[in-house]
Amino acid sequence: MTTTLFSQTLKRLRTEKGISQIQLAQKLFVDRSTITRWENGSRLPNNMMINRISKLFGTDINLLLNAAAESDESLDVILVDDRKIILTGGLPVLEAVMPNATVTGFTRVSEAIEYAKANRVALAFLDIEMGKMSGLELCRALLEINPRTNVVYLTAYSDYAVDAWGTGASGFMRKPITQEGVQAQLKNLRYPFSLGGAGK
């Protein structure tokens, strides 16, 4: 099966459900431009995102997995915040700064960890205050999975800066997420990568 077939399958599933690209993007915590790329065949989702899609549409995951193949060259970036409004505002900014990246949002820490186990996350933007597990603890968990993951903390409070630097993070950013702020962080990553693909 080809990339084109996956794009046609996704578009058919979406239209049968009667939802727009924007609505699908919100349900999957990705930017609308990501849905557009999937549907025009220029980009394929990774396996965990395919699992999300299969659950959302109630379709056999094997049908979708057979229609798409995960690319080793894809650059995985995650945004983790327990407030959906932060994801809604932040995902388009990250997509704009890193148009070749697969940017995925999570409100649940457990899902972010599972994603990191299944994918090579190059860059993670983490809220610090998140219920049972803080962003500081999540940082440590992500670095145990992949020591080369760059972590940037997001918070509305600068009081956490000292604690944040003790976790092996690459940077610290005040909310809200802005293109200028993200671009500044990309210049100071512990493990720099090309925006055309994940760093080796």
N, C-alpha and C. Protein backbone atom coordinates (compact mmCIF):
# COMPACT_ATOMS: atom_id res chain seq x y z
N MET A 1 0.84 -1.19 0.00
CA MET A 1 0.00 0.00 0.00
C MET A 1 0.88 1.25 0.00
N THR A 2 0.38 2.31 -0.54
CA THR A 2 1.18 3.51 -0.72
C THR A 2 0.74 4.63 0.21
N THR A 3 1.57 5.67 0.23
CA THR A 3 1.24 6.84 1.02
C THR A 3 -0.09 7.44 0.55
N THR A 4 -0.30 7.45 -0.77
CA THR A 4 -1.54 7.99 -1.32
C THR A 4 -2.74 7.24 -0.78
N LEU A 5 -2.62 5.91 -0.71
CA LEU A 5 -3.73 5.11 -0.20
C LEU A 5 -4.05 5.47 1.25
N PHE A 6 -3.03 5.69 2.07
CA PHE A 6 -3.28 6.08 3.46
C PHE A 6 -4.00 7.42 3.50
N SER A 7 -3.55 8.36 2.68
CA SER A 7 -4.17 9.68 2.69
C SER A 7 -5.65 9.58 2.29
N GLN A 8 -5.95 8.74 1.31
CA GLN A 8 -7.34 8.57 0.88
C GLN A 8 -8.17 7.90 1.97
N THR A 9 -7.56 6.93 2.66
CA THR A 9 -8.27 6.23 3.72
C THR A 9 -8.61 7.18 4.86
N LEU A 10 -7.64 8.00 5.26
CA LEU A 10 -7.87 8.94 6.35
C LEU A 10 -8.96 9.95 5.98
N LYS A 11 -8.89 10.47 4.77
CA LYS A 11 -9.89 11.45 4.33
C LYS A 11 -11.29 10.82 4.31
N ARG A 12 -11.37 9.56 3.86
CA ARG A 12 -12.66 8.86 3.81
C ARG A 12 -13.21 8.67 5.22
N LEU A 13 -12.36 8.24 6.16
CA LEU A 13 -12.81 8.03 7.53
C LEU A 13 -13.29 9.33 8.16
N ARG A 14 -12.57 10.39 7.87
CA ARG A 14 -12.94 11.69 8.45
C ARG A 14 -14.27 12.19 7.89
N THR A 15 -14.43 12.10 6.58
CA THR A 15 -15.67 12.59 5.96
C THR A 15 -16.87 11.74 6.36
N GLU A 16 -16.65 10.43 6.52
CA GLU A 16 -17.74 9.56 6.95
C GLU A 16 -18.22 9.93 8.36
N LYS A 17 -17.29 10.40 9.19
CA LYS A 17 -17.64 10.84 10.54
C LYS A 17 -18.27 12.23 10.54
N GLY A 18 -18.12 12.92 9.41
CA GLY A 18 -18.69 14.26 9.31
C GLY A 18 -17.95 15.30 10.12
N ILE A 19 -16.61 15.14 10.26
CA ILE A 19 -15.83 16.12 11.01
C ILE A 19 -14.82 16.81 10.09
N SER A 20 -14.50 18.04 10.43
CA SER A 20 -13.57 18.82 9.62
C SER A 20 -12.12 18.49 9.98
N GLN A 21 -11.19 19.00 9.18
CA GLN A 21 -9.78 18.81 9.50
C GLN A 21 -9.44 19.46 10.83
N ILE A 22 -10.01 20.62 11.09
CA ILE A 22 -9.75 21.32 12.35
C ILE A 22 -10.25 20.49 13.53
N GLN A 23 -11.45 19.93 13.41
CA GLN A 23 -12.00 19.10 14.49
C GLN A 23 -11.16 17.86 14.72
N LEU A 24 -10.69 17.24 13.63
CA LEU A 24 -9.85 16.05 13.77
C LEU A 24 -8.52 16.41 14.44
N ALA A 25 -7.96 17.55 14.05
CA ALA A 25 -6.70 18.00 14.65
C ALA A 25 -6.85 18.21 16.15
N GLN A 26 -7.97 18.78 16.56
CA GLN A 26 -8.22 19.02 17.98
C GLN A 26 -8.35 17.71 18.74
N LYS A 27 -9.01 16.74 18.14
CA LYS A 27 -9.21 15.44 18.80
C LYS A 27 -7.90 14.67 18.94
N LEU A 28 -6.98 14.87 17.98
CA LEU A 28 -5.71 14.14 17.98
C LEU A 28 -4.57 14.95 18.62
N PHE A 29 -4.86 16.20 19.00
CA PHE A 29 -3.84 17.09 19.56
C PHE A 29 -2.67 17.32 18.61
N VAL A 30 -3.01 17.61 17.38
CA VAL A 30 -2.00 18.02 16.40
C VAL A 30 -2.52 19.30 15.74
N ASP A 31 -1.67 19.95 14.94
CA ASP A 31 -2.10 21.15 14.25
C ASP A 31 -2.85 20.76 12.97
N ARG A 32 -3.73 21.64 12.50
CA ARG A 32 -4.50 21.32 11.30
C ARG A 32 -3.58 21.04 10.11
N SER A 33 -2.45 21.76 10.03
CA SER A 33 -1.55 21.56 8.89
C SER A 33 -1.02 20.13 8.83
N THR A 34 -0.93 19.48 10.00
CA THR A 34 -0.50 18.08 10.03
C THR A 34 -1.54 17.20 9.36
N ILE A 35 -2.81 17.44 9.65
CA ILE A 35 -3.89 16.67 9.02
C ILE A 35 -3.86 16.88 7.51
N THR A 36 -3.64 18.13 7.10
CA THR A 36 -3.58 18.44 5.67
C THR A 36 -2.47 17.65 4.99
N ARG A 37 -1.31 17.59 5.64
CA ARG A 37 -0.18 16.85 5.06
C ARG A 37 -0.48 15.36 4.97
N TRP A 38 -1.13 14.82 6.02
CA TRP A 38 -1.50 13.40 5.97
C TRP A 38 -2.46 13.12 4.83
N GLU A 39 -3.39 14.04 4.62
CA GLU A 39 -4.41 13.81 3.60
C GLU A 39 -3.94 14.13 2.17
N ASN A 40 -2.87 14.92 2.04
CA ASN A 40 -2.37 15.15 0.68
C ASN A 40 -1.20 14.22 0.34
N GLY A 41 -0.84 13.35 1.31
CA GLY A 41 0.17 12.33 1.04
C GLY A 41 1.60 12.79 1.20
N SER A 42 1.82 14.02 1.70
CA SER A 42 3.20 14.50 1.85
C SER A 42 3.84 14.06 3.16
N ARG A 43 3.05 13.52 4.07
CA ARG A 43 3.58 13.09 5.37
C ARG A 43 2.77 11.91 5.87
N LEU A 44 3.42 10.99 6.57
CA LEU A 44 2.75 9.85 7.20
C LEU A 44 2.82 9.99 8.71
N PRO A 45 1.75 9.64 9.42
CA PRO A 45 1.82 9.65 10.89
C PRO A 45 2.64 8.48 11.39
N ASN A 46 3.15 8.58 12.63
CA ASN A 46 3.89 7.47 13.20
C ASN A 46 2.91 6.45 13.81
N ASN A 47 3.45 5.35 14.31
CA ASN A 47 2.60 4.25 14.76
C ASN A 47 1.68 4.61 15.92
N MET A 48 2.18 5.41 16.87
CA MET A 48 1.32 5.75 17.99
C MET A 48 0.16 6.64 17.54
N MET A 49 0.44 7.55 16.61
CA MET A 49 -0.62 8.40 16.11
C MET A 49 -1.62 7.58 15.30
N ILE A 50 -1.14 6.59 14.57
CA ILE A 50 -2.04 5.70 13.84
C ILE A 50 -2.96 4.97 14.81
N ASN A 51 -2.42 4.60 15.97
CA ASN A 51 -3.23 3.94 17.00
C ASN A 51 -4.32 4.90 17.49
N ARG A 52 -3.97 6.17 17.70
CA ARG A 52 -4.97 7.17 18.10
C ARG A 52 -6.07 7.28 17.05
N ILE A 53 -5.66 7.31 15.78
CA ILE A 53 -6.62 7.46 14.68
C ILE A 53 -7.56 6.27 14.63
N SER A 54 -7.02 5.07 14.80
CA SER A 54 -7.84 3.87 14.74
C SER A 54 -8.88 3.85 15.86
N LYS A 55 -8.47 4.27 17.04
CA LYS A 55 -9.41 4.32 18.18
C LYS A 55 -10.48 5.37 17.95
N LEU A 56 -10.07 6.51 17.43
CA LEU A 56 -11.02 7.60 17.20
C LEU A 56 -12.10 7.20 16.20
N PHE A 57 -11.68 6.52 15.13
CA PHE A 57 -12.64 6.15 14.09
C PHE A 57 -13.21 4.74 14.27
N GLY A 58 -12.73 4.00 15.28
CA GLY A 58 -13.24 2.66 15.51
C GLY A 58 -12.94 1.72 14.37
N THR A 59 -11.75 1.85 13.79
CA THR A 59 -11.36 1.01 12.67
C THR A 59 -10.18 0.12 13.05
N ASP A 60 -9.95 -0.94 12.31
CA ASP A 60 -8.87 -1.88 12.59
C ASP A 60 -7.52 -1.21 12.40
N ILE A 61 -6.71 -1.20 13.45
CA ILE A 61 -5.41 -0.53 13.36
C ILE A 61 -4.51 -1.16 12.31
N ASN A 62 -4.66 -2.48 12.09
CA ASN A 62 -3.81 -3.15 11.11
C ASN A 62 -4.05 -2.62 9.69
N LEU A 63 -5.29 -2.22 9.41
CA LEU A 63 -5.58 -1.65 8.10
C LEU A 63 -4.81 -0.36 7.89
N LEU A 64 -4.74 0.44 8.96
CA LEU A 64 -4.03 1.71 8.86
C LEU A 64 -2.52 1.50 8.86
N LEU A 65 -2.05 0.55 9.69
CA LEU A 65 -0.61 0.27 9.73
C LEU A 65 -0.11 -0.26 8.40
N ASN A 66 -0.94 -1.04 7.74
CA ASN A 66 -0.56 -1.58 6.44
C ASN A 66 -0.55 -0.51 5.36
N ALA A 67 -1.27 0.59 5.62
CA ALA A 67 -1.35 1.66 4.62
C ALA A 67 -0.29 2.73 4.85
N ALA A 68 0.47 2.63 5.92
CA ALA A 68 1.47 3.66 6.22
C ALA A 68 2.71 3.04 6.84
N ALA A 69 3.84 3.65 6.62
CA ALA A 69 5.09 3.18 7.21
C ALA A 69 5.75 4.35 7.93
N GLU A 70 6.22 4.12 9.13
CA GLU A 70 6.86 5.20 9.89
C GLU A 70 8.22 5.52 9.29
N SER A 71 8.52 6.81 9.16
CA SER A 71 9.78 7.24 8.58
C SER A 71 10.85 7.42 9.65
N ASP A 72 12.01 6.84 9.42
CA ASP A 72 13.12 6.99 10.36
C ASP A 72 13.67 8.41 10.35
N GLU A 73 13.36 9.15 9.28
CA GLU A 73 13.91 10.50 9.16
C GLU A 73 13.02 11.55 9.81
N SER A 74 11.87 11.15 10.31
CA SER A 74 10.96 12.14 10.88
C SER A 74 11.51 12.69 12.19
N LEU A 75 11.25 13.96 12.42
CA LEU A 75 11.69 14.63 13.63
C LEU A 75 10.50 14.71 14.58
N ASP A 76 10.59 14.02 15.72
CA ASP A 76 9.49 13.97 16.67
C ASP A 76 9.67 15.03 17.76
N VAL A 77 8.65 15.86 17.91
CA VAL A 77 8.62 16.90 18.94
C VAL A 77 7.31 16.73 19.72
N ILE A 78 7.38 16.81 21.05
CA ILE A 78 6.16 16.69 21.84
C ILE A 78 5.97 17.92 22.71
N LEU A 79 4.70 18.20 22.99
CA LEU A 79 4.31 19.28 23.90
C LEU A 79 3.40 18.66 24.94
N VAL A 80 3.78 18.75 26.22
CA VAL A 80 3.01 18.12 27.29
C VAL A 80 2.54 19.18 28.28
N ASP A 81 1.22 19.30 28.39
CA ASP A 81 0.63 20.26 29.33
C ASP A 81 -0.76 19.75 29.66
N ASP A 82 -1.14 19.79 30.93
CA ASP A 82 -2.44 19.25 31.31
C ASP A 82 -3.60 20.20 30.97
N ARG A 83 -3.29 21.35 30.41
CA ARG A 83 -4.33 22.28 29.98
C ARG A 83 -4.44 22.27 28.46
N LYS A 84 -5.61 21.86 27.95
CA LYS A 84 -5.80 21.75 26.51
C LYS A 84 -5.59 23.08 25.79
N ILE A 85 -5.91 24.18 26.47
CA ILE A 85 -5.77 25.49 25.84
C ILE A 85 -4.32 25.80 25.49
N ILE A 86 -3.39 25.27 26.29
CA ILE A 86 -1.96 25.47 26.00
C ILE A 86 -1.57 24.69 24.76
N LEU A 87 -2.10 23.47 24.62
CA LEU A 87 -1.83 22.68 23.42
C LEU A 87 -2.41 23.37 22.19
N THR A 88 -3.63 23.85 22.31
CA THR A 88 -4.30 24.50 21.19
C THR A 88 -3.52 25.72 20.71
N GLY A 89 -2.98 26.48 21.65
CA GLY A 89 -2.21 27.67 21.27
C GLY A 89 -0.78 27.37 20.88
N GLY A 90 -0.18 26.35 21.52
CA GLY A 90 1.23 26.07 21.31
C GLY A 90 1.56 25.23 20.09
N LEU A 91 0.70 24.27 19.74
CA LEU A 91 0.99 23.37 18.62
C LEU A 91 1.19 24.11 17.29
N PRO A 92 0.33 25.08 16.94
CA PRO A 92 0.55 25.80 15.68
C PRO A 92 1.87 26.57 15.67
N VAL A 93 2.28 27.07 16.82
CA VAL A 93 3.56 27.81 16.91
C VAL A 93 4.73 26.87 16.63
N LEU A 94 4.71 25.69 17.25
CA LEU A 94 5.78 24.72 17.05
C LEU A 94 5.81 24.23 15.60
N GLU A 95 4.63 24.02 15.01
CA GLU A 95 4.53 23.61 13.61
C GLU A 95 5.12 24.67 12.69
N ALA A 96 4.86 25.93 13.01
CA ALA A 96 5.36 27.03 12.17
C ALA A 96 6.88 27.13 12.22
N VAL A 97 7.44 26.94 13.41
CA VAL A 97 8.90 27.04 13.57
C VAL A 97 9.60 25.80 13.01
N MET A 98 8.96 24.63 13.15
CA MET A 98 9.57 23.37 12.70
C MET A 98 8.61 22.65 11.75
N PRO A 99 8.44 23.16 10.53
CA PRO A 99 7.45 22.62 9.59
C PRO A 99 7.70 21.18 9.17
N ASN A 100 8.94 20.69 9.30
CA ASN A 100 9.24 19.32 8.90
C ASN A 100 9.13 18.33 10.06
N ALA A 101 8.76 18.83 11.22
CA ALA A 101 8.67 17.95 12.39
C ALA A 101 7.27 17.38 12.55
N THR A 102 7.20 16.22 13.23
CA THR A 102 5.93 15.67 13.67
C THR A 102 5.73 16.17 15.09
N VAL A 103 4.80 17.10 15.26
CA VAL A 103 4.57 17.72 16.56
C VAL A 103 3.29 17.14 17.17
N THR A 104 3.40 16.56 18.35
CA THR A 104 2.27 15.89 18.99
C THR A 104 2.06 16.43 20.40
N GLY A 105 0.81 16.68 20.75
CA GLY A 105 0.49 17.20 22.07
C GLY A 105 -0.10 16.14 22.98
N PHE A 106 0.16 16.26 24.27
CA PHE A 106 -0.36 15.34 25.28
C PHE A 106 -0.84 16.11 26.50
N THR A 107 -1.99 15.72 27.02
CA THR A 107 -2.44 16.26 28.31
C THR A 107 -2.15 15.27 29.42
N ARG A 108 -1.86 14.03 29.06
CA ARG A 108 -1.57 12.98 30.05
C ARG A 108 -0.10 12.59 29.99
N VAL A 109 0.55 12.64 31.14
CA VAL A 109 1.97 12.28 31.23
C VAL A 109 2.21 10.84 30.80
N SER A 110 1.31 9.93 31.19
CA SER A 110 1.48 8.51 30.86
C SER A 110 1.52 8.30 29.35
N GLU A 111 0.69 9.03 28.61
CA GLU A 111 0.67 8.89 27.15
C GLU A 111 1.96 9.44 26.54
N ALA A 112 2.47 10.51 27.11
CA ALA A 112 3.72 11.08 26.61
C ALA A 112 4.87 10.10 26.80
N ILE A 113 4.88 9.41 27.93
CA ILE A 113 5.94 8.43 28.21
C ILE A 113 5.84 7.25 27.24
N GLU A 114 4.62 6.77 27.01
CA GLU A 114 4.43 5.66 26.07
C GLU A 114 4.87 6.07 24.67
N TYR A 115 4.56 7.31 24.30
CA TYR A 115 4.97 7.82 22.98
C TYR A 115 6.50 7.83 22.88
N ALA A 116 7.15 8.29 23.93
CA ALA A 116 8.62 8.39 23.93
C ALA A 116 9.26 7.01 23.84
N LYS A 117 8.59 6.01 24.39
CA LYS A 117 9.12 4.64 24.32
C LYS A 117 9.03 4.09 22.90
N ALA A 118 8.02 4.55 22.16
CA ALA A 118 7.79 4.03 20.82
C ALA A 118 8.43 4.88 19.72
N ASN A 119 8.85 6.10 20.06
CA ASN A 119 9.40 7.01 19.06
C ASN A 119 10.63 7.73 19.62
N ARG A 120 11.53 8.11 18.72
CA ARG A 120 12.72 8.83 19.14
C ARG A 120 12.40 10.32 19.24
N VAL A 121 12.08 10.77 20.43
CA VAL A 121 11.70 12.17 20.63
C VAL A 121 12.96 13.04 20.69
N ALA A 122 13.04 13.98 19.77
CA ALA A 122 14.22 14.86 19.72
C ALA A 122 14.07 16.05 20.65
N LEU A 123 12.81 16.51 20.84
CA LEU A 123 12.59 17.72 21.61
C LEU A 123 11.25 17.63 22.34
N ALA A 124 11.26 17.93 23.64
CA ALA A 124 10.04 17.88 24.44
C ALA A 124 9.85 19.21 25.17
N PHE A 125 8.69 19.81 25.00
CA PHE A 125 8.32 21.01 25.74
C PHE A 125 7.38 20.56 26.86
N LEU A 126 7.77 20.79 28.11
CA LEU A 126 7.03 20.25 29.24
C LEU A 126 6.56 21.34 30.20
N ASP A 127 5.27 21.29 30.53
CA ASP A 127 4.77 22.13 31.62
C ASP A 127 5.37 21.59 32.92
N ILE A 128 5.59 22.43 33.89
CA ILE A 128 6.19 21.97 35.14
C ILE A 128 5.14 21.45 36.12
N GLU A 129 4.04 22.15 36.26
CA GLU A 129 3.00 21.72 37.21
C GLU A 129 1.94 20.91 36.47
N MET A 130 1.94 19.58 36.70
CA MET A 130 1.00 18.71 35.99
C MET A 130 0.50 17.59 36.90
N GLY A 131 -0.34 17.86 37.83
CA GLY A 131 -0.98 16.82 38.62
C GLY A 131 -0.01 15.93 39.38
N LYS A 132 -0.19 14.60 39.22
CA LYS A 132 0.58 13.64 40.02
C LYS A 132 2.07 13.65 39.70
N MET A 133 2.41 13.78 38.42
CA MET A 133 3.83 13.81 38.03
C MET A 133 4.17 15.18 37.48
N SER A 134 5.17 15.82 38.05
CA SER A 134 5.57 17.14 37.59
C SER A 134 6.38 17.03 36.30
N GLY A 135 6.54 18.18 35.64
CA GLY A 135 7.36 18.21 34.44
C GLY A 135 8.81 17.85 34.74
N LEU A 136 9.27 18.16 35.96
CA LEU A 136 10.64 17.82 36.36
C LEU A 136 10.81 16.30 36.39
N GLU A 137 9.81 15.61 36.94
CA GLU A 137 9.87 14.15 37.00
C GLU A 137 9.72 13.54 35.61
N LEU A 138 8.86 14.14 34.79
CA LEU A 138 8.69 13.65 33.42
C LEU A 138 9.98 13.81 32.64
N CYS A 139 10.69 14.91 32.86
CA CYS A 139 11.98 15.11 32.20
C CYS A 139 12.92 13.94 32.50
N ARG A 140 13.01 13.59 33.78
CA ARG A 140 13.90 12.49 34.17
C ARG A 140 13.48 11.18 33.50
N ALA A 141 12.16 10.95 33.42
CA ALA A 141 11.65 9.73 32.79
C ALA A 141 11.99 9.71 31.29
N LEU A 142 11.84 10.84 30.62
CA LEU A 142 12.14 10.92 29.19
C LEU A 142 13.63 10.70 28.92
N LEU A 143 14.47 11.26 29.79
CA LEU A 143 15.91 11.11 29.60
C LEU A 143 16.38 9.69 29.91
N GLU A 144 15.65 8.97 30.74
CA GLU A 144 15.96 7.56 30.97
C GLU A 144 15.65 6.75 29.71
N ILE A 145 14.59 7.13 29.01
CA ILE A 145 14.20 6.45 27.78
C ILE A 145 15.18 6.80 26.66
N ASN A 146 15.50 8.07 26.53
CA ASN A 146 16.42 8.54 25.49
C ASN A 146 17.22 9.72 26.03
N PRO A 147 18.47 9.49 26.42
CA PRO A 147 19.30 10.54 27.01
C PRO A 147 19.55 11.73 26.08
N ARG A 148 19.29 11.56 24.78
CA ARG A 148 19.54 12.64 23.83
C ARG A 148 18.28 13.46 23.54
N THR A 149 17.24 13.26 24.31
CA THR A 149 16.05 14.10 24.15
C THR A 149 16.32 15.47 24.75
N ASN A 150 16.08 16.51 23.98
CA ASN A 150 16.19 17.88 24.48
C ASN A 150 14.89 18.23 25.18
N VAL A 151 14.99 18.77 26.39
CA VAL A 151 13.80 19.15 27.16
C VAL A 151 13.81 20.65 27.44
N VAL A 152 12.69 21.28 27.14
CA VAL A 152 12.51 22.71 27.44
C VAL A 152 11.29 22.82 28.35
N TYR A 153 11.46 23.43 29.50
CA TYR A 153 10.36 23.60 30.44
C TYR A 153 9.52 24.82 30.08
N LEU A 154 8.21 24.68 30.29
CA LEU A 154 7.28 25.78 30.08
C LEU A 154 6.59 26.07 31.40
N THR A 155 6.52 27.32 31.78
CA THR A 155 5.82 27.67 33.00
C THR A 155 5.49 29.16 33.01
N ALA A 156 4.52 29.51 33.80
CA ALA A 156 4.17 30.92 33.97
C ALA A 156 4.95 31.52 35.13
N TYR A 157 5.70 30.66 35.84
CA TYR A 157 6.42 31.11 37.04
C TYR A 157 7.91 30.88 36.89
N SER A 158 8.70 31.91 37.14
CA SER A 158 10.16 31.80 37.01
C SER A 158 10.78 31.17 38.25
N ASP A 159 9.99 30.95 39.31
CA ASP A 159 10.53 30.40 40.56
C ASP A 159 11.14 29.01 40.38
N TYR A 160 10.71 28.30 39.34
CA TYR A 160 11.16 26.93 39.16
C TYR A 160 12.52 26.82 38.46
N ALA A 161 13.05 27.93 37.99
CA ALA A 161 14.24 27.90 37.15
C ALA A 161 15.40 27.13 37.78
N VAL A 162 15.67 27.35 39.06
CA VAL A 162 16.80 26.69 39.72
C VAL A 162 16.60 25.17 39.74
N ASP A 163 15.40 24.72 40.14
CA ASP A 163 15.12 23.28 40.16
C ASP A 163 15.20 22.69 38.76
N ALA A 164 14.73 23.44 37.77
CA ALA A 164 14.69 22.94 36.40
C ALA A 164 16.08 22.63 35.87
N TRP A 165 17.05 23.48 36.19
CA TRP A 165 18.39 23.28 35.64
C TRP A 165 19.06 22.03 36.20
N GLY A 166 18.57 21.51 37.31
CA GLY A 166 19.19 20.32 37.89
C GLY A 166 18.71 19.01 37.30
N THR A 167 17.87 19.08 36.27
CA THR A 167 17.29 17.85 35.72
C THR A 167 17.86 17.45 34.37
N GLY A 168 18.80 18.20 33.85
CA GLY A 168 19.38 17.86 32.55
C GLY A 168 18.62 18.46 31.38
N ALA A 169 17.78 19.46 31.66
CA ALA A 169 17.00 20.10 30.59
C ALA A 169 17.88 21.03 29.77
N SER A 170 17.41 21.33 28.56
CA SER A 170 18.14 22.23 27.66
C SER A 170 17.77 23.69 27.86
N GLY A 171 16.54 23.94 28.33
CA GLY A 171 16.12 25.33 28.44
C GLY A 171 14.88 25.52 29.29
N PHE A 172 14.50 26.78 29.42
CA PHE A 172 13.40 27.18 30.28
C PHE A 172 12.68 28.33 29.59
N MET A 173 11.37 28.21 29.39
CA MET A 173 10.61 29.20 28.65
C MET A 173 9.38 29.64 29.41
N ARG A 174 9.15 30.94 29.45
CA ARG A 174 7.93 31.46 30.07
C ARG A 174 6.78 31.31 29.09
N LYS A 175 5.58 31.00 29.61
CA LYS A 175 4.39 30.97 28.77
C LYS A 175 3.94 32.41 28.52
N PRO A 176 3.25 32.66 27.40
CA PRO A 176 2.81 31.72 26.37
C PRO A 176 3.93 31.38 25.39
N ILE A 177 3.72 30.31 24.63
CA ILE A 177 4.70 29.88 23.63
C ILE A 177 4.65 30.83 22.44
N THR A 178 5.82 31.33 22.07
CA THR A 178 5.91 32.23 20.91
C THR A 178 6.96 31.70 19.93
N GLN A 179 6.85 32.10 18.66
CA GLN A 179 7.84 31.66 17.67
C GLN A 179 9.23 32.14 18.05
N GLU A 180 9.31 33.39 18.51
CA GLU A 180 10.62 33.94 18.89
C GLU A 180 11.22 33.15 20.05
N GLY A 181 10.37 32.80 21.02
CA GLY A 181 10.84 32.03 22.18
C GLY A 181 11.34 30.66 21.79
N VAL A 182 10.60 29.98 20.91
CA VAL A 182 11.00 28.64 20.46
C VAL A 182 12.30 28.72 19.66
N GLN A 183 12.39 29.69 18.76
CA GLN A 183 13.61 29.83 17.95
C GLN A 183 14.83 30.08 18.83
N ALA A 184 14.65 30.85 19.89
CA ALA A 184 15.75 31.12 20.82
C ALA A 184 16.18 29.83 21.52
N GLN A 185 15.21 28.99 21.89
CA GLN A 185 15.53 27.73 22.56
C GLN A 185 16.27 26.77 21.63
N LEU A 186 15.90 26.77 20.35
CA LEU A 186 16.53 25.85 19.39
C LEU A 186 18.02 26.13 19.24
N LYS A 187 18.44 27.36 19.52
CA LYS A 187 19.86 27.72 19.39
C LYS A 187 20.69 27.20 20.56
N ASN A 188 20.02 26.77 21.64
CA ASN A 188 20.74 26.38 22.85
C ASN A 188 20.50 24.93 23.28
N LEU A 189 20.10 24.08 22.34
CA LEU A 189 19.82 22.69 22.68
C LEU A 189 21.10 21.94 23.04
N ARG A 190 20.98 21.02 23.99
CA ARG A 190 22.13 20.18 24.35
C ARG A 190 22.54 19.28 23.18
N TYR A 191 21.54 18.81 22.43
CA TYR A 191 21.78 17.93 21.31
C TYR A 191 21.11 18.53 20.07
N PRO A 192 21.80 19.44 19.39
CA PRO A 192 21.21 20.13 18.23
C PRO A 192 20.84 19.15 17.13
N PHE A 193 19.85 19.52 16.34
CA PHE A 193 19.44 18.68 15.21
C PHE A 193 19.10 19.59 14.05
N SER A 194 19.10 19.00 12.87
CA SER A 194 18.68 19.74 11.68
C SER A 194 17.18 19.76 11.63
N LEU A 195 16.60 20.90 11.25
CA LEU A 195 15.15 20.98 11.15
C LEU A 195 14.64 20.18 9.96
N GLY A 196 15.56 19.64 9.17
CA GLY A 196 15.14 18.80 8.05
C GLY A 196 15.03 17.34 8.46
N GLY A 197 15.45 17.00 9.68
CA GLY A 197 15.40 15.62 10.14
C GLY A 197 16.03 15.50 11.50
N ALA A 198 15.76 14.42 12.18
CA ALA A 198 16.24 14.26 13.53
C ALA A 198 17.76 14.16 13.54
N GLY A 199 18.34 14.71 14.58
CA GLY A 199 19.78 14.64 14.75
C GLY A 199 20.21 13.23 15.11
N LYS A 200 21.36 12.81 14.63
CA LYS A 200 21.86 11.45 14.90
C LYS A 200 22.70 11.44 16.17
